[in-house]
Protein backbone atom coordinates (compact mmCIF):
# COMPACT_ATOMS: atom_id res chain seq x y z
CA MET A 1 114.72 88.07 92.92
CA THR A 2 113.87 84.22 91.90
CA ASP A 3 112.78 83.12 88.20
CA ASP A 4 108.73 82.17 90.08
CA ASP A 5 109.68 86.02 91.08
CA LEU A 6 110.15 87.12 87.75
CA LEU A 7 107.26 85.36 86.95
CA ARG A 8 104.48 86.26 89.19
CA TYR A 9 105.40 90.31 89.14
CA ALA A 10 105.77 90.04 85.68
CA ARG A 11 102.96 92.93 84.86
CA HIS A 12 105.10 95.07 87.38
CA LEU A 13 108.07 94.50 85.22
CA MET A 14 106.58 95.52 82.41
CA LEU A 15 106.12 98.85 83.61
CA ASP A 16 109.39 101.35 82.85
CA GLU A 17 108.47 103.41 86.11
CA ILE A 18 108.58 100.02 88.45
CA GLY A 19 110.82 97.43 86.61
CA ILE A 20 112.73 95.25 88.20
CA GLU A 21 114.62 98.12 90.26
CA GLY A 22 111.32 99.11 91.61
CA GLN A 23 110.02 95.64 92.38
CA GLN A 24 113.09 94.55 94.37
CA ARG A 25 112.71 97.87 96.30
CA LEU A 26 108.99 96.41 97.28
CA LEU A 27 110.45 92.86 97.92
CA ASP A 28 112.87 94.61 100.18
CA ALA A 29 110.12 97.05 102.09
CA ARG A 30 108.52 96.68 105.34
CA ALA A 31 104.84 97.82 105.53
CA LEU A 32 103.07 98.52 108.67
CA VAL A 33 99.31 98.38 108.61
CA ILE A 34 97.37 99.43 111.46
CA GLY A 35 93.80 97.80 111.09
CA ALA A 36 92.54 94.90 109.21
CA GLY A 37 88.86 95.64 108.87
CA GLY A 38 87.30 97.10 105.86
CA LEU A 39 90.36 99.32 104.56
CA GLY A 40 92.77 97.39 105.81
CA SER A 41 91.34 94.33 104.02
CA PRO A 42 92.40 95.77 100.66
CA VAL A 43 95.07 97.29 101.58
CA ALA A 44 96.78 93.97 103.10
CA LEU A 45 96.09 91.94 100.05
CA TYR A 46 97.10 94.46 97.28
CA LEU A 47 100.48 94.73 99.79
CA ALA A 48 100.96 90.90 99.98
CA SER A 49 100.21 90.28 95.90
CA ALA A 50 102.39 93.19 95.01
CA GLY A 51 105.39 91.53 96.98
CA VAL A 52 105.94 93.98 99.71
CA GLY A 53 108.87 91.79 101.68
CA ARG A 54 107.47 92.34 104.99
CA ILE A 55 104.25 93.02 106.94
CA THR A 56 103.20 93.93 109.83
CA LEU A 57 99.24 94.10 111.04
CA VAL A 58 98.01 95.38 114.03
CA ASP A 59 94.43 95.27 115.21
CA HIS A 60 92.93 94.01 118.46
CA ASP A 61 89.53 93.15 117.31
CA THR A 62 87.84 90.19 116.32
CA VAL A 63 85.79 89.40 113.09
CA GLY A 64 81.95 89.39 113.27
CA LEU A 65 79.38 88.67 111.11
CA THR A 66 78.99 92.39 110.39
CA ASN A 67 82.21 92.36 109.19
CA LEU A 68 81.66 90.69 106.28
CA GLN A 69 79.81 92.86 104.50
CA ARG A 70 82.72 94.33 103.54
CA GLN A 71 85.63 93.28 105.17
CA ILE A 72 87.20 91.12 102.34
CA ALA A 73 90.12 89.43 103.73
CA HIS A 74 88.04 87.30 106.20
CA ASP A 75 85.07 85.03 105.35
CA MET A 76 82.63 82.33 107.60
CA ALA A 77 85.68 80.23 108.75
CA SER A 78 87.07 83.46 110.08
CA LEU A 79 84.31 84.32 112.48
CA HIS A 80 85.16 85.12 115.96
CA ARG A 81 88.96 84.77 114.78
CA PRO A 82 90.92 88.05 115.79
CA LYS A 83 91.34 89.78 112.59
CA VAL A 84 94.87 90.04 112.05
CA MET A 85 95.30 86.18 112.07
CA SER A 86 92.52 85.72 109.61
CA ALA A 87 94.14 88.44 106.87
CA ALA A 88 97.32 87.26 107.58
CA GLU A 89 96.69 83.72 106.15
CA ARG A 90 94.40 85.10 103.35
CA MET A 91 97.79 87.01 102.44
CA VAL A 92 100.15 84.29 102.55
CA ALA A 93 97.59 81.74 101.03
CA LEU A 94 97.77 84.62 97.96
CA ASN A 95 101.97 85.23 98.16
CA PRO A 96 103.69 82.70 100.35
CA GLY A 97 106.76 85.01 99.23
CA VAL A 98 105.80 87.89 101.66
CA THR A 99 106.67 87.94 105.50
CA VAL A 100 103.60 88.83 107.65
CA ARG A 101 103.48 89.67 111.28
CA ALA A 102 100.11 89.65 112.90
CA LEU A 103 100.01 91.53 116.05
CA PRO A 104 96.50 91.10 117.66
CA GLU A 105 97.15 94.17 119.60
CA LYS A 106 95.45 97.85 120.48
CA ALA A 107 97.42 100.30 118.69
CA ASP A 108 98.45 102.16 121.43
CA ALA A 109 101.50 104.80 121.52
CA GLU A 110 103.75 102.10 123.34
CA LEU A 111 103.48 99.68 120.54
CA LEU A 112 103.31 102.22 118.25
CA ASP A 113 106.74 103.41 119.65
CA VAL A 114 107.94 100.01 118.54
CA GLU A 115 106.68 99.11 115.01
CA VAL A 116 106.45 102.28 113.24
CA PRO A 117 110.55 103.25 113.12
CA GLU A 118 110.83 99.75 111.75
CA ALA A 119 108.74 100.51 108.96
CA ASP A 120 109.14 102.18 105.32
CA VAL A 121 105.33 102.99 105.09
CA VAL A 122 102.70 103.22 108.19
CA ILE A 123 99.07 102.71 107.12
CA ASP A 124 96.29 103.78 108.92
CA CYS A 125 93.17 101.73 108.37
CA THR A 126 91.29 102.64 111.64
CA ASP A 127 88.20 104.15 112.20
CA ASN A 128 88.52 106.24 115.09
CA PHE A 129 90.06 109.57 115.62
CA ALA A 130 91.98 108.75 118.60
CA THR A 131 94.14 106.17 116.97
CA ARG A 132 94.68 108.32 114.10
CA HIS A 133 96.38 110.83 116.07
CA LEU A 134 98.24 108.38 118.02
CA VAL A 135 99.73 107.05 114.81
CA ASN A 136 100.63 110.34 112.67
CA ALA A 137 102.04 111.28 116.75
CA ALA A 138 104.27 108.08 115.82
CA CYS A 139 104.89 109.31 112.74
CA VAL A 140 106.01 112.55 113.25
CA ARG A 141 108.24 111.52 115.81
CA HIS A 142 109.77 108.63 113.87
CA GLY A 143 110.09 110.83 110.79
CA LYS A 144 107.92 108.38 108.63
CA PRO A 145 105.42 108.51 105.58
CA LEU A 146 102.01 108.20 106.51
CA VAL A 147 98.60 107.24 104.24
CA SER A 148 95.56 107.69 105.80
CA GLY A 149 92.10 106.58 104.57
CA ALA A 150 88.78 107.09 106.26
CA ALA A 151 85.15 105.79 105.08
CA ILE A 152 81.97 106.41 106.13
CA GLY A 153 78.41 106.57 105.07
CA PHE A 154 78.79 106.78 101.29
CA ASP A 155 81.86 109.54 101.68
CA GLY A 156 85.84 108.52 101.95
CA GLN A 157 88.81 110.10 102.11
CA ILE A 158 92.75 109.85 101.44
CA SER A 159 95.64 111.75 101.96
CA VAL A 160 99.67 111.01 102.38
CA TYR A 161 101.17 112.73 105.28
CA ASP A 162 105.32 112.61 105.06
CA SER A 163 106.84 113.94 107.99
CA ARG A 164 110.12 113.40 106.35
CA SER A 165 109.86 116.79 104.91
CA ARG A 166 109.35 119.60 107.14
CA GLU A 167 107.31 121.44 104.63
CA GLN A 168 104.08 118.86 104.59
CA PRO A 169 101.29 118.96 106.86
CA CYS A 170 100.83 116.24 109.06
CA TYR A 171 97.47 114.87 109.86
CA ALA A 172 97.09 117.05 112.99
CA CYS A 173 97.51 120.21 110.80
CA LEU A 174 94.33 119.25 109.00
CA PHE A 175 92.59 117.86 111.91
CA PRO A 176 93.67 119.12 115.49
CA PRO A 177 93.33 116.72 118.20
CA GLU A 178 92.22 119.60 120.29
CA SER A 179 89.49 120.58 118.18
CA GLY A 180 86.77 117.47 119.26
CA PHE A 181 85.62 115.85 116.14
CA GLU A 182 83.53 112.99 116.70
CA ASP A 183 83.73 109.77 115.82
CA VAL A 184 80.89 108.07 113.11
CA ALA A 185 81.04 104.49 113.50
CA CYS A 186 79.95 102.40 110.69
CA SER A 187 77.55 100.38 113.40
CA THR A 188 75.96 103.41 113.51
CA MET A 189 76.02 105.09 110.28
CA GLY A 190 76.16 102.35 107.87
CA VAL A 191 78.75 102.21 104.90
CA PHE A 192 78.52 101.10 101.22
CA ALA A 193 80.29 98.33 101.28
CA PRO A 194 82.69 98.78 98.01
CA LEU A 195 83.11 101.94 99.35
CA VAL A 196 86.21 100.67 101.62
CA GLY A 197 87.42 98.56 98.94
CA ILE A 198 88.15 101.87 96.90
CA VAL A 199 89.82 104.17 99.52
CA GLY A 200 91.79 101.07 100.64
CA SER A 201 92.98 100.10 97.31
CA MET A 202 94.07 103.80 96.89
CA GLN A 203 95.65 103.61 100.28
CA ALA A 204 97.38 100.44 98.94
CA ALA A 205 98.32 102.34 95.75
CA GLU A 206 99.78 105.36 97.31
CA ALA A 207 101.90 103.05 99.97
CA LEU A 208 103.60 100.80 96.70
CA LYS A 209 104.55 104.23 94.83
CA LEU A 210 105.81 105.28 98.16
CA LEU A 211 107.74 102.42 98.49
CA ALA A 212 108.81 101.89 94.93
CA GLY A 213 109.67 105.39 94.49
CA ILE A 214 107.16 106.28 91.82
CA GLY A 215 104.99 108.76 90.45
CA GLU A 216 103.42 111.69 92.40
CA PRO A 217 102.41 110.83 96.26
CA LEU A 218 98.83 112.60 97.65
CA ALA A 219 101.22 114.58 99.83
CA GLY A 220 99.99 118.08 100.78
CA ARG A 221 96.56 116.80 98.67
CA LEU A 222 93.27 115.48 100.74
CA LEU A 223 91.20 113.39 98.02
CA MET A 224 87.57 113.63 99.07
CA LEU A 225 84.94 111.00 97.25
CA ASP A 226 81.41 111.21 97.47
CA GLY A 227 80.60 107.55 97.18
CA ARG A 228 76.57 108.59 95.65
CA ARG A 229 77.85 110.24 92.17
CA MET A 230 81.39 108.83 92.55
CA GLN A 231 82.47 111.86 92.04
CA TRP A 232 86.15 112.71 93.67
CA SER A 233 87.64 116.34 94.74
CA GLU A 234 90.39 117.65 96.51
CA ILE A 235 91.99 120.26 98.78
CA ALA A 236 95.73 121.47 98.85
CA MET A 237 96.30 121.43 102.49
CA GLN A 238 99.12 123.49 104.15
CA ARG A 239 101.24 123.09 107.00
CA ASP A 240 100.45 124.56 110.53
CA PRO A 241 102.99 126.02 112.00
CA GLU A 242 101.46 126.09 114.86
CA CYS A 243 100.00 122.59 114.77
CA SER A 244 100.65 120.71 118.63
CA VAL A 245 102.47 117.76 116.60
CA CYS A 246 104.23 118.64 114.26
CA GLY A 247 104.66 122.86 114.28
CA GLY A 248 107.43 124.38 115.86
């Protein structure tokens, strides 16, 4: 850790739970962020600002004007550019000490089987069930912790699915892929702008806790936010032994 690092991360170093050892773990860590939109923006910026050493961003989409209401990693100069390129530039401008890989590709099973094994934590910031299930399945196959968030309208949710433990549920235990959940898009339902910042910031916090080895992760607990009343509720989750992804 350089003198500049000691100054940049001074407020982390003051925390007994993090200190020099915890911050060094962050500097040595590898994070995979799937999605560079509403949730991915605060996740990417906070991981970079906190000093996560190597961050890979995956998103095949480009920046549109309607994104700028909530996707704070982008600005007017980013219009029509790949989201991962726009976000990567903002991250490196914020902290030149981190290495950012920008992959303007769709997160399909083939890509995930290459990228997930290389990560210490995977953060799912996507907006559709199909991709969430692909990400979850890859994390289960490769034994990687997954931080998953979602936001639509005024409602948000977040949890950690840690398949390193056979006791913990995976995303499919709660939302079985065969159950036929329907996607609800921001383009049809809308989304309260600060909501994605709240959920995304909490995803970043959970990822940093996992990487630094501090606190108690949200594994086995689903937090749900009613943004109209700014009220959180919590549901305890159990592993489904019949789960088509992690069961058996």
